[in-house]
Amino acid sequence: MLLQVINPNTTASMTDLIGASARAAAGPGTEVVAVHPEMGPASIESHYDEALAVPGLLAQIAAGEAAGAAGHVVACFGDPGMDAARELAAGPVVGIAEAGMRAATYLGRTFGVVTTLQRTTGRAWELAGRYGVREQCRTVRAVEIPVLALETDPAARTRIAAECEDVVATEGCDAIVLGCAGMADLAAELTARVGVPVVDGVAAAVVTVEGLVRLGLTTGKRGEFAPPLPKAYTGALARFAVPEASPPADPAQRRPGMAPSPANVGTSTGTVSG
């Protein structure tokens, strides 16, 4: 099984970190390719960033489809572009916020989210409501560390751990969800330190996509998530034009998409063994 994990920002070092977490979670026989777009923001910390990240994300979905990916993970906690990605992809597409929050509900009655910037907490609350877990989500906390500073700020781990400990102490949460793909390497360390399960959404999404593929399940294509209608696009978006094509007779058949270019395809790939 080929599984594509997409970091929707353009920072290669973050893609490498996400890829390592994804490969560690994947099961035997799953090949994980971690990629990022050739265009878009260096990090996603605003609605503006998110909107401008989506075209590059969709180009990666199309490239992954052309390469035969069985499913896709969108590795940003805002779960950007999910509806459009599900239109393009033949296989399942799962975002790390949805996967992480749903996983947390299996581990206890309540959970808290620890994320990067306060300005992003509204999106986390919105997603909790959209995914039907608003009642279980007790709190959303921000450590006020920008996404890219997670790699460079020597105090980042300590501040994230302290916030997780406070969530447990003051809110009584049974689990914590890490609210940024750039925190993917912290889950095991924080679980041991805090004493409750700490969920990395990247790992949770990988396992979710794997499970759906093994069950032979994918996004329904009868209505809303049918392939987009043939249409011309102009200017900078001309490459995203949807050509005339008949829907595939076999749901497992790959839908034609943009051919991948060397600049589009991965910065971190690997085959998982056990």
C-alpha atoms as a PDB file:
ATOM      1  CA  MET A   1       0.000   0.000   0.000  1.00  0.00           C
ATOM      2  CA  LEU A   2       1.331   3.425  -0.991  1.00  0.00           C
ATOM      3  CA  LEU A   3       0.228   6.144   1.419  1.00  0.00           C
ATOM      4  CA  GLN A   4       0.939   9.819   0.750  1.00  0.00           C
ATOM      5  CA  VAL A   5       1.390  12.226   3.673  1.00  0.00           C
ATOM      6  CA  ILE A   6       1.198  15.877   2.649  1.00  0.00           C
ATOM      7  CA  ASN A   7       2.674  18.726   4.647  1.00  0.00           C
ATOM      8  CA  PRO A   8       0.676  21.642   3.165  1.00  0.00           C
ATOM      9  CA  ASN A   9       3.415  24.170   3.916  1.00  0.00           C
ATOM     10  CA  THR A  10       6.665  24.410   1.972  1.00  0.00           C
ATOM     11  CA  THR A  11       9.205  23.834   4.770  1.00  0.00           C
ATOM     12  CA  ALA A  12      11.260  20.739   3.949  1.00  0.00           C
ATOM     13  CA  SER A  13      12.557  20.116   7.469  1.00  0.00           C
ATOM     14  CA  MET A  14       8.992  19.950   8.774  1.00  0.00           C
ATOM     15  CA  THR A  15       8.088  17.495   6.003  1.00  0.00           C
ATOM     16  CA  ASP A  16      10.991  15.295   7.132  1.00  0.00           C
ATOM     17  CA  LEU A  17       9.757  15.330  10.736  1.00  0.00           C
ATOM     18  CA  ILE A  18       6.188  14.507   9.640  1.00  0.00           C
ATOM     19  CA  GLY A  19       7.447  11.709   7.408  1.00  0.00           C
ATOM     20  CA  ALA A  20       9.390  10.128  10.260  1.00  0.00           C
ATOM     21  CA  SER A  21       6.303  10.125  12.496  1.00  0.00           C
ATOM     22  CA  ALA A  22       4.171   8.679   9.707  1.00  0.00           C
ATOM     23  CA  ARG A  23       6.604   5.888   8.939  1.00  0.00           C
ATOM     24  CA  ALA A  24       6.906   4.981  12.606  1.00  0.00           C
ATOM     25  CA  ALA A  25       3.123   4.580  12.844  1.00  0.00           C
ATOM     26  CA  ALA A  26       2.517   2.726   9.570  1.00  0.00           C
ATOM     27  CA  GLY A  27       2.114  -1.031   9.511  1.00  0.00           C
ATOM     28  CA  PRO A  28       3.964  -3.760   7.605  1.00  0.00           C
ATOM     29  CA  GLY A  29       3.601  -3.503   3.859  1.00  0.00           C
ATOM     30  CA  THR A  30       2.823   0.224   3.863  1.00  0.00           C
ATOM     31  CA  GLU A  31       5.117   2.532   1.927  1.00  0.00           C
ATOM     32  CA  VAL A  32       4.909   6.127   3.152  1.00  0.00           C
ATOM     33  CA  VAL A  33       5.886   9.065   0.964  1.00  0.00           C
ATOM     34  CA  ALA A  34       5.957  12.479   2.659  1.00  0.00           C
ATOM     35  CA  VAL A  35       5.696  15.504   0.378  1.00  0.00           C
ATOM     36  CA  HIS A  36       5.119  19.243   0.414  1.00  0.00           C
ATOM     37  CA  PRO A  37       3.925  21.639  -2.301  1.00  0.00           C
ATOM     38  CA  GLU A  38       6.198  23.538  -4.655  1.00  0.00           C
ATOM     39  CA  MET A  39       4.253  26.728  -3.880  1.00  0.00           C
ATOM     40  CA  GLY A  40       2.570  28.202  -0.825  1.00  0.00           C
ATOM     41  CA  PRO A  41       3.370  29.550   2.634  1.00  0.00           C
ATOM     42  CA  ALA A  42       6.352  28.456   4.719  1.00  0.00           C
ATOM     43  CA  SER A  43       3.937  27.779   7.599  1.00  0.00           C
ATOM     44  CA  ILE A  44       0.171  27.940   8.107  1.00  0.00           C
ATOM     45  CA  GLU A  45      -0.865  30.233  10.951  1.00  0.00           C
ATOM     46  CA  SER A  46      -3.790  32.247   9.567  1.00  0.00           C
ATOM     47  CA  HIS A  47      -6.827  31.944   7.324  1.00  0.00           C
ATOM     48  CA  TYR A  48      -4.817  33.748   4.635  1.00  0.00           C
ATOM     49  CA  ASP A  49      -2.012  31.187   4.879  1.00  0.00           C
ATOM     50  CA  GLU A  50      -4.519  28.352   4.747  1.00  0.00           C
ATOM     51  CA  ALA A  51      -6.300  29.668   1.657  1.00  0.00           C
ATOM     52  CA  LEU A  52      -3.034  30.075  -0.248  1.00  0.00           C
ATOM     53  CA  ALA A  53      -1.803  26.630   0.819  1.00  0.00           C
ATOM     54  CA  VAL A  54      -4.758  24.803  -0.732  1.00  0.00           C
ATOM     55  CA  PRO A  55      -3.769  24.983  -4.454  1.00  0.00           C
ATOM     56  CA  GLY A  56      -0.382  23.438  -3.712  1.00  0.00           C
ATOM     57  CA  LEU A  57      -2.023  20.817  -1.512  1.00  0.00           C
ATOM     58  CA  LEU A  58      -4.432  19.862  -4.302  1.00  0.00           C
ATOM     59  CA  ALA A  59      -1.543  19.595  -6.777  1.00  0.00           C
ATOM     60  CA  GLN A  60       0.044  17.076  -4.421  1.00  0.00           C
ATOM     61  CA  ILE A  61      -3.205  15.114  -4.141  1.00  0.00           C
ATOM     62  CA  ALA A  62      -3.372  14.921  -7.948  1.00  0.00           C
ATOM     63  CA  ALA A  63       0.283  13.909  -8.189  1.00  0.00           C
ATOM     64  CA  GLY A  64      -0.226  11.227  -5.551  1.00  0.00           C
ATOM     65  CA  GLU A  65      -3.241   9.891  -7.436  1.00  0.00           C
ATOM     66  CA  ALA A  66      -1.176   9.693 -10.623  1.00  0.00           C
ATOM     67  CA  ALA A  67       1.523   7.811  -8.692  1.00  0.00           C
ATOM     68  CA  GLY A  68      -1.012   5.274  -7.386  1.00  0.00           C
ATOM     69  CA  ALA A  69      -1.397   6.369  -3.764  1.00  0.00           C
ATOM     70  CA  ALA A  70      -4.079   4.330  -1.984  1.00  0.00           C
ATOM     71  CA  GLY A  71      -4.854   7.176   0.437  1.00  0.00           C
ATOM     72  CA  HIS A  72      -3.676  10.535   1.711  1.00  0.00           C
ATOM     73  CA  VAL A  73      -3.013  12.290   5.031  1.00  0.00           C
ATOM     74  CA  VAL A  74      -3.243  16.093   5.227  1.00  0.00           C
ATOM     75  CA  ALA A  75      -0.717  17.012   7.914  1.00  0.00           C
ATOM     76  CA  CYS A  76      -1.852  20.408   9.155  1.00  0.00           C
ATOM     77  CA  PHE A  77      -4.071  20.820  12.217  1.00  0.00           C
ATOM     78  CA  GLY A  78      -6.424  23.208  10.410  1.00  0.00           C
ATOM     79  CA  ASP A  79      -7.324  20.317   8.068  1.00  0.00           C
ATOM     80  CA  PRO A  80      -7.124  22.658   5.032  1.00  0.00           C
ATOM     81  CA  GLY A  81      -8.641  21.790   1.671  1.00  0.00           C
ATOM     82  CA  MET A  82     -10.204  18.542   2.857  1.00  0.00           C
ATOM     83  CA  ASP A  83     -13.448  18.744   0.874  1.00  0.00           C
ATOM     84  CA  ALA A  84     -11.661  19.518  -2.392  1.00  0.00           C
ATOM     85  CA  ALA A  85      -9.040  16.844  -1.719  1.00  0.00           C
ATOM     86  CA  ARG A  86     -11.785  14.266  -1.228  1.00  0.00           C
ATOM     87  CA  GLU A  87     -13.272  15.232  -4.588  1.00  0.00           C
ATOM     88  CA  LEU A  88      -9.940  14.616  -6.321  1.00  0.00           C
ATOM     89  CA  ALA A  89      -8.825  11.442  -4.570  1.00  0.00           C
ATOM     90  CA  ALA A  90     -10.046   7.935  -5.333  1.00  0.00           C
ATOM     91  CA  GLY A  91      -8.858   6.715  -1.930  1.00  0.00           C
ATOM     92  CA  PRO A  92      -9.563   8.070   1.562  1.00  0.00           C
ATOM     93  CA  VAL A  93      -8.221  11.471   2.662  1.00  0.00           C
ATOM     94  CA  VAL A  94      -7.875  12.126   6.411  1.00  0.00           C
ATOM     95  CA  GLY A  95      -6.763  15.301   8.219  1.00  0.00           C
ATOM     96  CA  ILE A  96      -4.687  15.177  11.375  1.00  0.00           C
ATOM     97  CA  ALA A  97      -7.093  17.259  13.472  1.00  0.00           C
ATOM     98  CA  GLU A  98     -10.014  14.948  12.786  1.00  0.00           C
ATOM     99  CA  ALA A  99      -7.932  11.816  13.303  1.00  0.00           C
ATOM    100  CA  GLY A 100      -6.317  13.123  16.483  1.00  0.00           C
ATOM    101  CA  MET A 101      -9.552  14.339  18.055  1.00  0.00           C
ATOM    102  CA  ARG A 102     -11.435  11.151  17.217  1.00  0.00           C
ATOM    103  CA  ALA A 103      -8.605   9.016  18.590  1.00  0.00           C
ATOM    104  CA  ALA A 104      -8.680  11.001  21.844  1.00  0.00           C
ATOM    105  CA  THR A 105     -12.381  10.215  22.330  1.00  0.00           C
ATOM    106  CA  TYR A 106     -11.490   6.508  22.391  1.00  0.00           C
ATOM    107  CA  LEU A 107      -9.033   7.071  25.229  1.00  0.00           C
ATOM    108  CA  GLY A 108     -11.173   8.884  27.805  1.00  0.00           C
ATOM    109  CA  ARG A 109     -14.229  11.005  28.427  1.00  0.00           C
ATOM    110  CA  THR A 110     -12.517  14.355  27.781  1.00  0.00           C
ATOM    111  CA  PHE A 111      -9.472  15.717  25.987  1.00  0.00           C
ATOM    112  CA  GLY A 112      -7.618  18.998  25.564  1.00  0.00           C
ATOM    113  CA  VAL A 113      -5.756  20.427  22.589  1.00  0.00           C
ATOM    114  CA  VAL A 114      -2.345  22.059  22.938  1.00  0.00           C
ATOM    115  CA  THR A 115      -1.405  24.093  19.875  1.00  0.00           C
ATOM    116  CA  THR A 116       0.967  26.843  18.741  1.00  0.00           C
ATOM    117  CA  LEU A 117      -0.639  30.308  18.530  1.00  0.00           C
ATOM    118  CA  GLN A 118      -3.717  31.712  20.249  1.00  0.00           C
ATOM    119  CA  ARG A 119      -5.025  33.037  16.938  1.00  0.00           C
ATOM    120  CA  THR A 120      -5.456  29.442  15.713  1.00  0.00           C
ATOM    121  CA  THR A 121      -7.542  28.209  18.657  1.00  0.00           C
ATOM    122  CA  GLY A 122     -10.816  29.316  17.075  1.00  0.00           C
ATOM    123  CA  ARG A 123     -10.219  26.947  14.170  1.00  0.00           C
ATOM    124  CA  ALA A 124      -9.581  24.069  16.571  1.00  0.00           C
ATOM    125  CA  TRP A 125     -12.872  24.749  18.356  1.00  0.00           C
ATOM    126  CA  GLU A 126     -14.660  24.976  14.996  1.00  0.00           C
ATOM    127  CA  LEU A 127     -13.250  21.627  13.894  1.00  0.00           C
ATOM    128  CA  ALA A 128     -14.188  19.981  17.191  1.00  0.00           C
ATOM    129  CA  GLY A 129     -17.777  21.038  16.521  1.00  0.00           C
ATOM    130  CA  ARG A 130     -17.685  19.931  12.900  1.00  0.00           C
ATOM    131  CA  TYR A 131     -16.371  16.508  13.867  1.00  0.00           C
ATOM    132  CA  GLY A 132     -18.949  16.013  16.600  1.00  0.00           C
ATOM    133  CA  VAL A 133     -16.504  15.993  19.522  1.00  0.00           C
ATOM    134  CA  ARG A 134     -17.132  19.489  20.906  1.00  0.00           C
ATOM    135  CA  GLU A 135     -18.614  18.073  24.103  1.00  0.00           C
ATOM    136  CA  GLN A 136     -15.529  15.961  24.783  1.00  0.00           C
ATOM    137  CA  CYS A 137     -13.068  18.792  24.037  1.00  0.00           C
ATOM    138  CA  ARG A 138     -12.576  20.512  27.385  1.00  0.00           C
ATOM    139  CA  THR A 139     -10.010  23.138  26.375  1.00  0.00           C
ATOM    140  CA  VAL A 140      -7.785  24.434  23.572  1.00  0.00           C
ATOM    141  CA  ARG A 141      -4.506  25.954  24.779  1.00  0.00           C
ATOM    142  CA  ALA A 142      -1.776  27.823  22.901  1.00  0.00           C
ATOM    143  CA  VAL A 143       1.885  28.020  23.887  1.00  0.00           C
ATOM    144  CA  GLU A 144       2.477  31.114  21.691  1.00  0.00           C
ATOM    145  CA  ILE A 145       5.319  29.530  19.740  1.00  0.00           C
ATOM    146  CA  PRO A 146       5.193  30.009  15.949  1.00  0.00           C
ATOM    147  CA  VAL A 147       5.124  26.810  13.907  1.00  0.00           C
ATOM    148  CA  LEU A 148       8.643  27.063  12.517  1.00  0.00           C
ATOM    149  CA  ALA A 149      10.060  28.042  15.916  1.00  0.00           C
ATOM    150  CA  LEU A 150       9.115  24.569  17.184  1.00  0.00           C
ATOM    151  CA  GLU A 151      12.330  23.424  15.497  1.00  0.00           C
ATOM    152  CA  THR A 152      14.568  26.262  16.706  1.00  0.00           C
ATOM    153  CA  ASP A 153      13.297  27.501  20.073  1.00  0.00           C
ATOM    154  CA  PRO A 154      15.228  25.627  22.797  1.00  0.00           C
ATOM    155  CA  ALA A 155      12.397  26.250  25.269  1.00  0.00           C
ATOM    156  CA  ALA A 156       9.655  24.840  23.007  1.00  0.00           C
ATOM    157  CA  ARG A 157       9.568  21.313  24.457  1.00  0.00           C
ATOM    158  CA  THR A 158       9.529  22.593  28.020  1.00  0.00           C
ATOM    159  CA  ARG A 159       6.711  25.057  27.350  1.00  0.00           C
ATOM    160  CA  ILE A 160       4.591  22.476  25.518  1.00  0.00           C
ATOM    161  CA  ALA A 161       5.112  19.956  28.317  1.00  0.00           C
ATOM    162  CA  ALA A 162       4.199  22.517  30.968  1.00  0.00           C
ATOM    163  CA  GLU A 163       0.986  23.395  29.111  1.00  0.00           C
ATOM    164  CA  CYS A 164       0.065  19.721  28.791  1.00  0.00           C
ATOM    165  CA  GLU A 165       0.627  19.219  32.518  1.00  0.00           C
ATOM    166  CA  ASP A 166      -1.574  22.216  33.296  1.00  0.00           C
ATOM    167  CA  VAL A 167      -4.355  20.910  31.040  1.00  0.00           C
ATOM    168  CA  VAL A 168      -4.408  17.691  33.038  1.00  0.00           C
ATOM    169  CA  ALA A 169      -4.116  19.406  36.430  1.00  0.00           C
ATOM    170  CA  THR A 170      -6.702  22.152  35.916  1.00  0.00           C
ATOM    171  CA  GLU A 171      -9.126  20.636  33.389  1.00  0.00           C
ATOM    172  CA  GLY A 172      -8.918  16.980  34.395  1.00  0.00           C
ATOM    173  CA  CYS A 173      -8.573  15.858  30.792  1.00  0.00           C
ATOM    174  CA  ASP A 174      -8.089  12.159  30.114  1.00  0.00           C
ATOM    175  CA  ALA A 175      -6.068  12.737  26.929  1.00  0.00           C
ATOM    176  CA  ILE A 176      -4.294  15.503  25.027  1.00  0.00           C
ATOM    177  CA  VAL A 177      -4.173  16.129  21.281  1.00  0.00           C
ATOM    178  CA  LEU A 178      -1.128  17.918  19.902  1.00  0.00           C
ATOM    179  CA  GLY A 179      -2.405  20.766  17.717  1.00  0.00           C
ATOM    180  CA  CYS A 180       0.370  21.017  15.151  1.00  0.00           C
ATOM    181  CA  ALA A 181       2.071  18.543  12.822  1.00  0.00           C
ATOM    182  CA  GLY A 182       5.366  20.114  13.905  1.00  0.00           C
ATOM    183  CA  MET A 183       4.837  18.559  17.344  1.00  0.00           C
ATOM    184  CA  ALA A 184       4.613  15.041  15.906  1.00  0.00           C
ATOM    185  CA  ASP A 185       7.858  13.868  17.484  1.00  0.00           C
ATOM    186  CA  LEU A 186       6.785  14.832  21.031  1.00  0.00           C
ATOM    187  CA  ALA A 187       3.860  12.492  21.693  1.00  0.00           C
ATOM    188  CA  ALA A 188       5.684   9.567  23.321  1.00  0.00           C
ATOM    189  CA  GLU A 189       7.882  11.813  25.455  1.00  0.00           C
ATOM    190  CA  LEU A 190       4.908  13.842  26.650  1.00  0.00           C
ATOM    191  CA  THR A 191       2.786  10.765  27.380  1.00  0.00           C
ATOM    192  CA  ALA A 192       5.493   9.508  29.711  1.00  0.00           C
ATOM    193  CA  ARG A 193       5.910  12.908  31.369  1.00  0.00           C
ATOM    194  CA  VAL A 194       2.272  13.956  31.711  1.00  0.00           C
ATOM    195  CA  GLY A 195       0.757  10.609  32.614  1.00  0.00           C
ATOM    196  CA  VAL A 196      -2.160  10.651  30.136  1.00  0.00           C
ATOM    197  CA  PRO A 197      -2.244   9.620  26.462  1.00  0.00           C
ATOM    198  CA  VAL A 198      -0.868  12.353  24.196  1.00  0.00           C
ATOM    199  CA  VAL A 199      -2.076  11.911  20.615  1.00  0.00           C
ATOM    200  CA  ASP A 200      -0.041  12.850  17.542  1.00  0.00           C
ATOM    201  CA  GLY A 201      -2.557  13.473  14.778  1.00  0.00           C
ATOM    202  CA  VAL A 202      -0.075  12.484  12.071  1.00  0.00           C
ATOM    203  CA  ALA A 203       0.284   8.976  13.479  1.00  0.00           C
ATOM    204  CA  ALA A 204      -3.459   8.721  14.137  1.00  0.00           C
ATOM    205  CA  ALA A 205      -4.290   9.783  10.575  1.00  0.00           C
ATOM    206  CA  VAL A 206      -1.838   7.306   9.047  1.00  0.00           C
ATOM    207  CA  VAL A 207      -3.356   4.411  10.968  1.00  0.00           C
ATOM    208  CA  THR A 208      -6.865   5.615  10.088  1.00  0.00           C
ATOM    209  CA  VAL A 209      -6.138   5.764   6.358  1.00  0.00           C
ATOM    210  CA  GLU A 210      -4.442   2.368   6.476  1.00  0.00           C
ATOM    211  CA  GLY A 211      -7.467   0.861   8.192  1.00  0.00           C
ATOM    212  CA  LEU A 212      -9.916   2.339   5.684  1.00  0.00           C
ATOM    213  CA  VAL A 213      -7.856   1.061   2.752  1.00  0.00           C
ATOM    214  CA  ARG A 214      -7.584  -2.419   4.271  1.00  0.00           C
ATOM    215  CA  LEU A 215     -11.363  -2.436   4.757  1.00  0.00           C
ATOM    216  CA  GLY A 216     -11.833  -1.475   1.114  1.00  0.00           C
ATOM    217  CA  LEU A 217     -13.533   1.800   2.058  1.00  0.00           C
ATOM    218  CA  THR A 218     -13.180   5.193   0.429  1.00  0.00           C
ATOM    219  CA  THR A 219     -14.985   8.513   0.046  1.00  0.00           C
ATOM    220  CA  GLY A 220     -18.484   8.181  -1.424  1.00  0.00           C
ATOM    221  CA  LYS A 221     -18.643   9.594  -4.957  1.00  0.00           C
ATOM    222  CA  ARG A 222     -22.400   9.796  -5.609  1.00  0.00           C
ATOM    223  CA  GLY A 223     -22.931  13.465  -4.803  1.00  0.00           C
ATOM    224  CA  GLU A 224     -20.941  16.165  -3.047  1.00  0.00           C
ATOM    225  CA  PHE A 225     -17.578  14.413  -3.312  1.00  0.00           C
ATOM    226  CA  ALA A 226     -17.915  13.307  -6.935  1.00  0.00           C
ATOM    227  CA  PRO A 227     -14.976  14.431  -9.113  1.00  0.00           C
ATOM    228  CA  PRO A 228     -15.131  18.161  -9.907  1.00  0.00           C
ATOM    229  CA  LEU A 229     -16.966  19.162 -13.085  1.00  0.00           C
ATOM    230  CA  PRO A 230     -14.900  19.776 -16.216  1.00  0.00           C
ATOM    231  CA  LYS A 231     -14.017  23.443 -16.291  1.00  0.00           C
ATOM    232  CA  ALA A 232     -11.402  25.857 -17.613  1.00  0.00           C
ATOM    233  CA  TYR A 233      -9.265  27.898 -15.213  1.00  0.00           C
ATOM    234  CA  THR A 234      -7.248  30.950 -16.223  1.00  0.00           C
ATOM    235  CA  GLY A 235      -4.136  32.807 -15.179  1.00  0.00           C
ATOM    236  CA  ALA A 236      -2.038  31.313 -12.400  1.00  0.00           C
ATOM    237  CA  LEU A 237      -4.664  28.585 -11.895  1.00  0.00           C
ATOM    238  CA  ALA A 238      -4.713  27.398 -15.523  1.00  0.00           C
ATOM    239  CA  ARG A 239      -2.868  24.195 -14.571  1.00  0.00           C
ATOM    240  CA  PHE A 240      -5.806  23.237 -12.321  1.00  0.00           C
ATOM    241  CA  ALA A 241      -8.304  23.052 -15.223  1.00  0.00           C
ATOM    242  CA  VAL A 242     -10.429  19.906 -15.087  1.00  0.00           C
ATOM    243  CA  PRO A 243     -10.457  18.084 -18.442  1.00  0.00           C
ATOM    244  CA  GLU A 244     -13.454  16.312 -19.940  1.00  0.00           C
ATOM    245  CA  ALA A 245     -13.352  12.703 -18.724  1.00  0.00           C
ATOM    246  CA  SER A 246     -15.823   9.932 -18.054  1.00  0.00           C
ATOM    247  CA  PRO A 247     -16.121   8.823 -14.416  1.00  0.00           C
ATOM    248  CA  PRO A 248     -14.219   5.558 -13.839  1.00  0.00           C
ATOM    249  CA  ALA A 249     -16.424   2.463 -13.939  1.00  0.00           C
ATOM    250  CA  ASP A 250     -14.399   0.872 -11.146  1.00  0.00           C
ATOM    251  CA  PRO A 251     -14.243   2.953  -7.909  1.00  0.00           C
ATOM    252  CA  ALA A 252     -10.701   1.668  -7.376  1.00  0.00           C
ATOM    253  CA  GLN A 253      -9.573   3.007 -10.763  1.00  0.00           C
ATOM    254  CA  ARG A 254      -7.395   6.086 -10.498  1.00  0.00           C
ATOM    255  CA  ARG A 255      -8.918   9.298 -11.770  1.00  0.00           C
ATOM    256  CA  PRO A 256      -6.657  11.145 -14.226  1.00  0.00           C
ATOM    257  CA  GLY A 257      -4.834  14.009 -12.557  1.00  0.00           C
ATOM    258  CA  MET A 258      -1.961  16.359 -13.092  1.00  0.00           C
ATOM    259  CA  ALA A 259       1.275  14.570 -13.743  1.00  0.00           C
ATOM    260  CA  PRO A 260       3.761  14.914 -10.908  1.00  0.00           C
ATOM    261  CA  SER A 261       6.814  17.035 -11.480  1.00  0.00           C
ATOM    262  CA  PRO A 262      10.150  16.545  -9.738  1.00  0.00           C
ATOM    263  CA  ALA A 263       9.571  19.767  -7.794  1.00  0.00           C
ATOM    264  CA  ASN A 264       6.228  18.488  -6.544  1.00  0.00           C
ATOM    265  CA  VAL A 265       7.262  15.111  -5.314  1.00  0.00           C
ATOM    266  CA  GLY A 266       8.572  14.265  -1.939  1.00  0.00           C
ATOM    267  CA  THR A 267      11.280  15.334   0.328  1.00  0.00           C
ATOM    268  CA  SER A 268      11.039  12.259   2.522  1.00  0.00           C
ATOM    269  CA  THR A 269      10.119   8.761   1.445  1.00  0.00           C
ATOM    270  CA  GLY A 270      10.517   5.341   2.884  1.00  0.00           C
ATOM    271  CA  THR A 271       9.075   1.882   3.233  1.00  0.00           C
ATOM    272  CA  VAL A 272       7.791   0.845   6.616  1.00  0.00           C
ATOM    273  CA  SER A 273       8.802  -2.457   8.062  1.00  0.00           C
ATOM    274  CA  GLY A 274       6.791  -3.498  11.036  1.00  0.00           C
END
